[in-house]
Amino acid sequence: MLPQVIRGFADVVFPPVCVHCRALVERDAGEDASAFRHLCRNCVNLLDHVKPPHCSTCGHPFFGLVEGERMCPKCEGLDPAFREGRTAVLFRGPARALVIELKYHHGLHVLTDMQEIFRRTPHVLESVRGATLVPVPLHPRKERERGYNQAQLLATALARAAGGDTRVASLLRRIVDTQTQTAFDRRTRMGNLKNAFALVPGAALNPALHYLLVDDVFTTGSTLNSCARTLRRAGALNIDVVTFGHG
């Protein structure tokens, strides 16, 4: 009860503001403690939660009537080294605001809302429970500048949402300090990321375990695929990916 009382007092003195629309985040008396704290009700309703049917490779939803096998334009030509991919929300509107707040404004406070979004995405949680979550690593220089790896924090939030014996293991390191990949197409990204990742010294992989790569956003899949190839070369056989958002 004490943490809830302290949090309630803090909300009165410093009312939480929605990271997307900047409106006050109002909460009703007795509202569930897991309710969103950094998105207002209107913006929560704007979240595009991904539900099946979706692409089995990248997790992007299929819209309209789905009959038989469908090609996904979001990951066509990827040649994935992993088995399946799932995502919680589409990377737009309030979901985009949460990721930007976390990555670029030191907004660690929004992790509670991101964990709640994971908690409300059953098709993601069912693929996560019991898995070993492997966050996509940052280069040490970038992690020093930012102060943390957002994928590591998201993996921890996802493990909490999934519960059970789900665990986080930082098995990968980034050994090539590439420039930001945002402006590049998939072919260029793949070239830039070739041999960019390596296993952490002393790490040992168990072929019987389910490894699940975690990142903030699936854009072209090149980063996740490069990480998956590294795990596969090290002996992992069961590799899937999960992202918070899909761009």
C-alpha atoms as a PDB file:
ATOM      1  CA  MET A   1       0.000   0.000   0.000  1.00  0.00           C
ATOM      2  CA  LEU A   2       2.811   2.449   0.806  1.00  0.00           C
ATOM      3  CA  PRO A   3       4.114   2.712  -2.791  1.00  0.00           C
ATOM      4  CA  GLN A   4       0.563   3.357  -4.007  1.00  0.00           C
ATOM      5  CA  VAL A   5       0.068   6.096  -1.399  1.00  0.00           C
ATOM      6  CA  ILE A   6       3.373   7.729  -2.358  1.00  0.00           C
ATOM      7  CA  ARG A   7       2.510   7.504  -6.041  1.00  0.00           C
ATOM      8  CA  GLY A   8      -0.949   8.969  -5.400  1.00  0.00           C
ATOM      9  CA  PHE A   9       0.580  11.887  -3.483  1.00  0.00           C
ATOM     10  CA  ALA A  10       3.091  12.490  -6.286  1.00  0.00           C
ATOM     11  CA  ASP A  11       0.271  12.539  -8.843  1.00  0.00           C
ATOM     12  CA  VAL A  12      -1.472  15.269  -6.851  1.00  0.00           C
ATOM     13  CA  VAL A  13       1.648  17.425  -6.515  1.00  0.00           C
ATOM     14  CA  PHE A  14       2.969  16.687 -10.008  1.00  0.00           C
ATOM     15  CA  PRO A  15      -0.019  15.632 -12.160  1.00  0.00           C
ATOM     16  CA  PRO A  16       1.099  13.190 -14.885  1.00  0.00           C
ATOM     17  CA  VAL A  17       0.949  14.528 -18.436  1.00  0.00           C
ATOM     18  CA  CYS A  18       0.197  12.418 -21.511  1.00  0.00           C
ATOM     19  CA  VAL A  19       3.389  11.926 -23.532  1.00  0.00           C
ATOM     20  CA  HIS A  20       1.407  12.087 -26.784  1.00  0.00           C
ATOM     21  CA  CYS A  21      -1.104  14.937 -26.508  1.00  0.00           C
ATOM     22  CA  ARG A  22       0.265  16.637 -23.335  1.00  0.00           C
ATOM     23  CA  ALA A  23      -3.141  16.558 -21.609  1.00  0.00           C
ATOM     24  CA  LEU A  24      -3.401  15.696 -17.927  1.00  0.00           C
ATOM     25  CA  VAL A  25      -3.765  11.989 -17.247  1.00  0.00           C
ATOM     26  CA  GLU A  26      -6.800  11.714 -15.003  1.00  0.00           C
ATOM     27  CA  ARG A  27      -7.545   8.622 -12.938  1.00  0.00           C
ATOM     28  CA  ASP A  28     -10.779   7.686 -11.209  1.00  0.00           C
ATOM     29  CA  ALA A  29     -10.799   6.831  -7.524  1.00  0.00           C
ATOM     30  CA  GLY A  30     -10.192   3.112  -7.065  1.00  0.00           C
ATOM     31  CA  GLU A  31      -8.922   2.667 -10.613  1.00  0.00           C
ATOM     32  CA  ASP A  32      -6.744  -0.391 -11.189  1.00  0.00           C
ATOM     33  CA  ALA A  33      -3.122   0.310 -10.270  1.00  0.00           C
ATOM     34  CA  SER A  34      -2.080  -1.177 -13.619  1.00  0.00           C
ATOM     35  CA  ALA A  35      -3.912   1.561 -15.536  1.00  0.00           C
ATOM     36  CA  PHE A  36      -1.916   3.749 -17.883  1.00  0.00           C
ATOM     37  CA  ARG A  37      -0.075   6.560 -16.136  1.00  0.00           C
ATOM     38  CA  HIS A  38       1.509   8.416 -19.050  1.00  0.00           C
ATOM     39  CA  LEU A  39      -1.193   8.175 -21.696  1.00  0.00           C
ATOM     40  CA  CYS A  40      -4.591   9.821 -21.292  1.00  0.00           C
ATOM     41  CA  ARG A  41      -7.779   7.838 -21.957  1.00  0.00           C
ATOM     42  CA  ASN A  42      -8.210   9.332 -25.425  1.00  0.00           C
ATOM     43  CA  CYS A  43      -4.682   8.362 -26.449  1.00  0.00           C
ATOM     44  CA  VAL A  44      -5.016   4.876 -24.951  1.00  0.00           C
ATOM     45  CA  ASN A  45      -7.980   4.406 -27.277  1.00  0.00           C
ATOM     46  CA  LEU A  46      -5.785   5.464 -30.207  1.00  0.00           C
ATOM     47  CA  LEU A  47      -3.299   2.623 -29.636  1.00  0.00           C
ATOM     48  CA  ASP A  48      -3.288   0.201 -32.585  1.00  0.00           C
ATOM     49  CA  HIS A  49      -2.971  -3.142 -30.797  1.00  0.00           C
ATOM     50  CA  VAL A  50      -1.897  -5.889 -33.171  1.00  0.00           C
ATOM     51  CA  LYS A  51      -4.091  -8.978 -33.220  1.00  0.00           C
ATOM     52  CA  PRO A  52      -4.141 -12.092 -35.373  1.00  0.00           C
ATOM     53  CA  PRO A  53      -4.171 -12.587 -38.291  1.00  0.00           C
ATOM     54  CA  HIS A  54      -0.703 -11.172 -38.731  1.00  0.00           C
ATOM     55  CA  CYS A  55       2.445 -11.923 -40.684  1.00  0.00           C
ATOM     56  CA  SER A  56       4.212 -14.866 -39.081  1.00  0.00           C
ATOM     57  CA  THR A  57       7.619 -13.376 -39.894  1.00  0.00           C
ATOM     58  CA  CYS A  58       7.410  -9.737 -38.791  1.00  0.00           C
ATOM     59  CA  GLY A  59       4.128  -9.625 -36.865  1.00  0.00           C
ATOM     60  CA  HIS A  60       2.484  -6.882 -38.953  1.00  0.00           C
ATOM     61  CA  PRO A  61      -1.302  -7.388 -39.060  1.00  0.00           C
ATOM     62  CA  PHE A  62      -3.168  -8.458 -42.155  1.00  0.00           C
ATOM     63  CA  PHE A  63      -6.201  -6.289 -42.803  1.00  0.00           C
ATOM     64  CA  GLY A  64      -9.401  -7.427 -44.447  1.00  0.00           C
ATOM     65  CA  LEU A  65     -10.337 -10.961 -45.420  1.00  0.00           C
ATOM     66  CA  VAL A  66      -7.461 -13.415 -45.249  1.00  0.00           C
ATOM     67  CA  GLU A  67      -7.670 -16.570 -47.346  1.00  0.00           C
ATOM     68  CA  GLY A  68      -4.738 -18.893 -47.872  1.00  0.00           C
ATOM     69  CA  GLU A  69      -1.129 -17.750 -47.817  1.00  0.00           C
ATOM     70  CA  ARG A  70      -0.404 -14.029 -48.041  1.00  0.00           C
ATOM     71  CA  MET A  71       2.818 -12.225 -48.874  1.00  0.00           C
ATOM     72  CA  CYS A  72       3.745  -9.474 -46.422  1.00  0.00           C
ATOM     73  CA  PRO A  73       5.131  -6.327 -48.090  1.00  0.00           C
ATOM     74  CA  LYS A  74       6.711  -5.277 -44.775  1.00  0.00           C
ATOM     75  CA  CYS A  75       9.252  -8.104 -44.721  1.00  0.00           C
ATOM     76  CA  GLU A  76       9.247  -9.458 -48.266  1.00  0.00           C
ATOM     77  CA  GLY A  77      12.780 -10.478 -49.237  1.00  0.00           C
ATOM     78  CA  LEU A  78      14.050 -10.582 -45.659  1.00  0.00           C
ATOM     79  CA  ASP A  79      15.122 -14.274 -45.666  1.00  0.00           C
ATOM     80  CA  PRO A  80      14.729 -14.530 -41.870  1.00  0.00           C
ATOM     81  CA  ALA A  81      17.203 -16.443 -39.738  1.00  0.00           C
ATOM     82  CA  PHE A  82      14.518 -16.595 -37.039  1.00  0.00           C
ATOM     83  CA  ARG A  83      11.300 -18.583 -36.998  1.00  0.00           C
ATOM     84  CA  GLU A  84       8.491 -16.156 -36.121  1.00  0.00           C
ATOM     85  CA  GLY A  85       8.012 -12.524 -35.197  1.00  0.00           C
ATOM     86  CA  ARG A  86       5.315 -10.797 -33.166  1.00  0.00           C
ATOM     87  CA  THR A  87       4.661  -7.199 -32.207  1.00  0.00           C
ATOM     88  CA  ALA A  88       2.384  -5.521 -29.687  1.00  0.00           C
ATOM     89  CA  VAL A  89       1.294  -2.282 -31.405  1.00  0.00           C
ATOM     90  CA  LEU A  90       1.770  -0.364 -34.617  1.00  0.00           C
ATOM     91  CA  PHE A  91       4.468   2.288 -34.349  1.00  0.00           C
ATOM     92  CA  ARG A  92       2.352   5.393 -34.704  1.00  0.00           C
ATOM     93  CA  GLY A  93       0.535   7.929 -32.581  1.00  0.00           C
ATOM     94  CA  PRO A  94       0.763   7.242 -28.821  1.00  0.00           C
ATOM     95  CA  ALA A  95       2.941   4.133 -29.268  1.00  0.00           C
ATOM     96  CA  ARG A  96       5.492   6.165 -31.221  1.00  0.00           C
ATOM     97  CA  ALA A  97       5.429   8.847 -28.510  1.00  0.00           C
ATOM     98  CA  LEU A  98       6.230   6.233 -25.847  1.00  0.00           C
ATOM     99  CA  VAL A  99       9.221   4.880 -27.776  1.00  0.00           C
ATOM    100  CA  ILE A 100      10.590   8.364 -28.488  1.00  0.00           C
ATOM    101  CA  GLU A 101      10.186   9.337 -24.824  1.00  0.00           C
ATOM    102  CA  LEU A 102      12.072   6.225 -23.740  1.00  0.00           C
ATOM    103  CA  LYS A 103      14.867   6.391 -26.328  1.00  0.00           C
ATOM    104  CA  TYR A 104      15.578  10.083 -26.683  1.00  0.00           C
ATOM    105  CA  HIS A 105      14.246  11.862 -23.580  1.00  0.00           C
ATOM    106  CA  HIS A 106      15.468   9.529 -20.832  1.00  0.00           C
ATOM    107  CA  GLY A 107      11.820   8.671 -20.170  1.00  0.00           C
ATOM    108  CA  LEU A 108      12.236   5.527 -18.094  1.00  0.00           C
ATOM    109  CA  HIS A 109       8.897   6.323 -16.436  1.00  0.00           C
ATOM    110  CA  VAL A 110       6.967   5.262 -19.570  1.00  0.00           C
ATOM    111  CA  LEU A 111       8.116   1.658 -19.158  1.00  0.00           C
ATOM    112  CA  THR A 112       5.135   1.056 -16.867  1.00  0.00           C
ATOM    113  CA  ASP A 113       2.769   1.892 -19.726  1.00  0.00           C
ATOM    114  CA  MET A 114       4.763  -0.144 -22.225  1.00  0.00           C
ATOM    115  CA  GLN A 115       4.616  -3.114 -19.865  1.00  0.00           C
ATOM    116  CA  GLU A 116       0.854  -2.635 -19.615  1.00  0.00           C
ATOM    117  CA  ILE A 117       0.599  -2.684 -23.413  1.00  0.00           C
ATOM    118  CA  PHE A 118       2.509  -5.976 -23.463  1.00  0.00           C
ATOM    119  CA  ARG A 119       0.188  -7.290 -20.763  1.00  0.00           C
ATOM    120  CA  ARG A 120      -2.820  -6.510 -22.960  1.00  0.00           C
ATOM    121  CA  THR A 121      -1.396  -8.347 -25.992  1.00  0.00           C
ATOM    122  CA  PRO A 122      -2.160 -12.053 -25.413  1.00  0.00           C
ATOM    123  CA  HIS A 123      -0.698 -13.337 -28.689  1.00  0.00           C
ATOM    124  CA  VAL A 124       2.664 -11.831 -27.727  1.00  0.00           C
ATOM    125  CA  LEU A 125       2.634 -13.128 -24.160  1.00  0.00           C
ATOM    126  CA  GLU A 126       1.809 -16.667 -25.220  1.00  0.00           C
ATOM    127  CA  SER A 127       4.937 -16.735 -27.392  1.00  0.00           C
ATOM    128  CA  VAL A 128       7.107 -15.284 -24.611  1.00  0.00           C
ATOM    129  CA  ARG A 129       6.296 -17.354 -21.537  1.00  0.00           C
ATOM    130  CA  GLY A 130       9.130 -19.664 -20.614  1.00  0.00           C
ATOM    131  CA  ALA A 131      11.502 -18.213 -23.210  1.00  0.00           C
ATOM    132  CA  THR A 132      14.947 -16.710 -22.762  1.00  0.00           C
ATOM    133  CA  LEU A 133      14.621 -13.066 -23.830  1.00  0.00           C
ATOM    134  CA  VAL A 134      17.687 -11.673 -25.581  1.00  0.00           C
ATOM    135  CA  PRO A 135      17.696  -7.870 -25.949  1.00  0.00           C
ATOM    136  CA  VAL A 136      19.217  -6.395 -29.104  1.00  0.00           C
ATOM    137  CA  PRO A 137      22.420  -4.716 -27.855  1.00  0.00           C
ATOM    138  CA  LEU A 138      23.628  -1.163 -28.390  1.00  0.00           C
ATOM    139  CA  HIS A 139      27.224  -0.384 -29.189  1.00  0.00           C
ATOM    140  CA  PRO A 140      29.033   0.508 -25.926  1.00  0.00           C
ATOM    141  CA  ARG A 141      29.572   4.081 -27.110  1.00  0.00           C
ATOM    142  CA  LYS A 142      25.877   4.637 -27.754  1.00  0.00           C
ATOM    143  CA  GLU A 143      24.878   2.940 -24.521  1.00  0.00           C
ATOM    144  CA  ARG A 144      27.253   5.201 -22.580  1.00  0.00           C
ATOM    145  CA  GLU A 145      25.730   8.246 -24.257  1.00  0.00           C
ATOM    146  CA  ARG A 146      22.146   7.152 -23.601  1.00  0.00           C
ATOM    147  CA  GLY A 147      22.831   5.675 -20.197  1.00  0.00           C
ATOM    148  CA  TYR A 148      20.935   2.446 -20.858  1.00  0.00           C
ATOM    149  CA  ASN A 149      19.816   0.049 -23.568  1.00  0.00           C
ATOM    150  CA  GLN A 150      16.101   0.491 -24.216  1.00  0.00           C
ATOM    151  CA  ALA A 151      15.809  -3.057 -25.591  1.00  0.00           C
ATOM    152  CA  GLN A 152      17.167  -4.409 -22.303  1.00  0.00           C
ATOM    153  CA  LEU A 153      14.565  -2.428 -20.345  1.00  0.00           C
ATOM    154  CA  LEU A 154      11.763  -3.533 -22.675  1.00  0.00           C
ATOM    155  CA  ALA A 155      12.837  -7.167 -22.347  1.00  0.00           C
ATOM    156  CA  THR A 156      12.643  -6.844 -18.559  1.00  0.00           C
ATOM    157  CA  ALA A 157       9.181  -5.244 -18.812  1.00  0.00           C
ATOM    158  CA  LEU A 158       8.054  -8.012 -21.172  1.00  0.00           C
ATOM    159  CA  ALA A 159       9.352 -10.725 -18.814  1.00  0.00           C
ATOM    160  CA  ARG A 160       7.387  -9.149 -15.962  1.00  0.00           C
ATOM    161  CA  ALA A 161       4.236  -9.017 -18.066  1.00  0.00           C
ATOM    162  CA  ALA A 162       4.631 -12.658 -19.138  1.00  0.00           C
ATOM    163  CA  GLY A 163       5.542 -13.995 -15.689  1.00  0.00           C
ATOM    164  CA  GLY A 164       6.408 -17.604 -15.048  1.00  0.00           C
ATOM    165  CA  ASP A 165       9.966 -18.709 -15.709  1.00  0.00           C
ATOM    166  CA  THR A 166      10.552 -16.145 -18.469  1.00  0.00           C
ATOM    167  CA  ARG A 167      14.008 -14.661 -18.065  1.00  0.00           C
ATOM    168  CA  VAL A 168      16.264 -12.053 -19.680  1.00  0.00           C
ATOM    169  CA  ALA A 169      19.796 -12.917 -20.787  1.00  0.00           C
ATOM    170  CA  SER A 170      22.163 -10.393 -22.408  1.00  0.00           C
ATOM    171  CA  LEU A 171      23.911 -12.845 -24.709  1.00  0.00           C
ATOM    172  CA  LEU A 172      24.877 -10.484 -27.529  1.00  0.00           C
ATOM    173  CA  ARG A 173      27.201  -7.515 -27.910  1.00  0.00           C
ATOM    174  CA  ARG A 174      27.494  -5.024 -30.724  1.00  0.00           C
ATOM    175  CA  ILE A 175      31.053  -4.877 -32.021  1.00  0.00           C
ATOM    176  CA  VAL A 176      30.570  -2.529 -35.006  1.00  0.00           C
ATOM    177  CA  ASP A 177      29.577   1.067 -34.292  1.00  0.00           C
ATOM    178  CA  THR A 178      27.305   1.664 -37.278  1.00  0.00           C
ATOM    179  CA  GLN A 179      25.598   4.967 -37.965  1.00  0.00           C
ATOM    180  CA  THR A 180      21.857   5.203 -37.424  1.00  0.00           C
ATOM    181  CA  GLN A 181      20.003   2.977 -39.886  1.00  0.00           C
ATOM    182  CA  THR A 182      16.774   4.982 -40.057  1.00  0.00           C
ATOM    183  CA  ALA A 183      17.334   6.477 -43.517  1.00  0.00           C
ATOM    184  CA  PHE A 184      18.550   3.280 -45.224  1.00  0.00           C
ATOM    185  CA  ASP A 185      16.643   0.604 -47.104  1.00  0.00           C
ATOM    186  CA  ARG A 186      16.834  -3.079 -46.164  1.00  0.00           C
ATOM    187  CA  ARG A 187      19.703  -3.948 -48.524  1.00  0.00           C
ATOM    188  CA  THR A 188      21.870  -1.108 -47.225  1.00  0.00           C
ATOM    189  CA  ARG A 189      21.022  -1.935 -43.622  1.00  0.00           C
ATOM    190  CA  MET A 190      21.931  -5.564 -44.117  1.00  0.00           C
ATOM    191  CA  GLY A 191      25.303  -4.555 -45.557  1.00  0.00           C
ATOM    192  CA  ASN A 192      25.970  -2.139 -42.693  1.00  0.00           C
ATOM    193  CA  LEU A 193      25.041  -4.735 -40.079  1.00  0.00           C
ATOM    194  CA  LYS A 194      27.052  -7.632 -41.491  1.00  0.00           C
ATOM    195  CA  ASN A 195      29.145  -9.060 -38.658  1.00  0.00           C
ATOM    196  CA  ALA A 196      28.018  -6.193 -36.400  1.00  0.00           C
ATOM    197  CA  PHE A 197      27.086  -8.538 -33.530  1.00  0.00           C
ATOM    198  CA  ALA A 198      28.908 -11.220 -31.584  1.00  0.00           C
ATOM    199  CA  LEU A 199      28.224 -13.505 -28.651  1.00  0.00           C
ATOM    200  CA  VAL A 200      29.167 -12.156 -25.227  1.00  0.00           C
ATOM    201  CA  PRO A 201      32.445 -13.799 -24.126  1.00  0.00           C
ATOM    202  CA  GLY A 202      31.758 -16.879 -22.069  1.00  0.00           C
ATOM    203  CA  ALA A 203      28.114 -17.145 -23.131  1.00  0.00           C
ATOM    204  CA  ALA A 204      26.900 -20.648 -23.942  1.00  0.00           C
ATOM    205  CA  LEU A 205      23.704 -21.427 -25.831  1.00  0.00           C
ATOM    206  CA  ASN A 206      21.504 -24.439 -25.243  1.00  0.00           C
ATOM    207  CA  PRO A 207      19.971 -25.826 -28.475  1.00  0.00           C
ATOM    208  CA  ALA A 208      16.956 -27.026 -26.484  1.00  0.00           C
ATOM    209  CA  LEU A 209      16.011 -23.543 -25.219  1.00  0.00           C
ATOM    210  CA  HIS A 210      13.661 -21.065 -26.846  1.00  0.00           C
ATOM    211  CA  TYR A 211      15.486 -17.772 -27.486  1.00  0.00           C
ATOM    212  CA  LEU A 212      13.455 -14.685 -28.211  1.00  0.00           C
ATOM    213  CA  LEU A 213      15.109 -11.511 -29.500  1.00  0.00           C
ATOM    214  CA  VAL A 214      13.561  -8.283 -28.180  1.00  0.00           C
ATOM    215  CA  ASP A 215      13.763  -4.803 -29.716  1.00  0.00           C
ATOM    216  CA  ASP A 216      11.723  -1.618 -29.614  1.00  0.00           C
ATOM    217  CA  VAL A 217      10.587  -1.384 -33.260  1.00  0.00           C
ATOM    218  CA  PHE A 218      10.512  -3.688 -36.268  1.00  0.00           C
ATOM    219  CA  THR A 219      11.292  -1.555 -39.335  1.00  0.00           C
ATOM    220  CA  THR A 220      12.999  -3.681 -41.985  1.00  0.00           C
ATOM    221  CA  GLY A 221      14.015  -6.527 -39.670  1.00  0.00           C
ATOM    222  CA  SER A 222      17.687  -6.226 -40.644  1.00  0.00           C
ATOM    223  CA  THR A 223      18.987  -5.659 -37.108  1.00  0.00           C
ATOM    224  CA  LEU A 224      16.950  -8.498 -35.632  1.00  0.00           C
ATOM    225  CA  ASN A 225      17.956 -10.789 -38.478  1.00  0.00           C
ATOM    226  CA  SER A 226      21.642 -10.038 -37.972  1.00  0.00           C
ATOM    227  CA  CYS A 227      21.259 -10.856 -34.275  1.00  0.00           C
ATOM    228  CA  ALA A 228      19.399 -14.066 -35.108  1.00  0.00           C
ATOM    229  CA  ARG A 229      22.181 -15.180 -37.438  1.00  0.00           C
ATOM    230  CA  THR A 230      24.706 -14.637 -34.660  1.00  0.00           C
ATOM    231  CA  LEU A 231      22.670 -16.759 -32.243  1.00  0.00           C
ATOM    232  CA  ARG A 232      22.186 -19.450 -34.860  1.00  0.00           C
ATOM    233  CA  ARG A 233      25.915 -19.646 -35.584  1.00  0.00           C
ATOM    234  CA  ALA A 234      26.458 -20.082 -31.841  1.00  0.00           C
ATOM    235  CA  GLY A 235      24.143 -23.100 -31.708  1.00  0.00           C
ATOM    236  CA  ALA A 236      20.638 -21.738 -31.033  1.00  0.00           C
ATOM    237  CA  LEU A 237      17.938 -23.612 -32.946  1.00  0.00           C
ATOM    238  CA  ASN A 238      14.668 -22.096 -31.684  1.00  0.00           C
ATOM    239  CA  ILE A 239      14.784 -18.335 -32.313  1.00  0.00           C
ATOM    240  CA  ASP A 240      11.833 -15.950 -32.496  1.00  0.00           C
ATOM    241  CA  VAL A 241      11.553 -12.162 -32.246  1.00  0.00           C
ATOM    242  CA  VAL A 242       9.242  -9.755 -30.445  1.00  0.00           C
ATOM    243  CA  THR A 243       9.099  -5.984 -30.780  1.00  0.00           C
ATOM    244  CA  PHE A 244       7.070  -3.398 -28.939  1.00  0.00           C
ATOM    245  CA  GLY A 245       6.061  -1.654 -32.158  1.00  0.00           C
ATOM    246  CA  HIS A 246       6.037  -2.214 -35.895  1.00  0.00           C
ATOM    247  CA  GLY A 247       6.995   0.693 -38.160  1.00  0.00           C
END
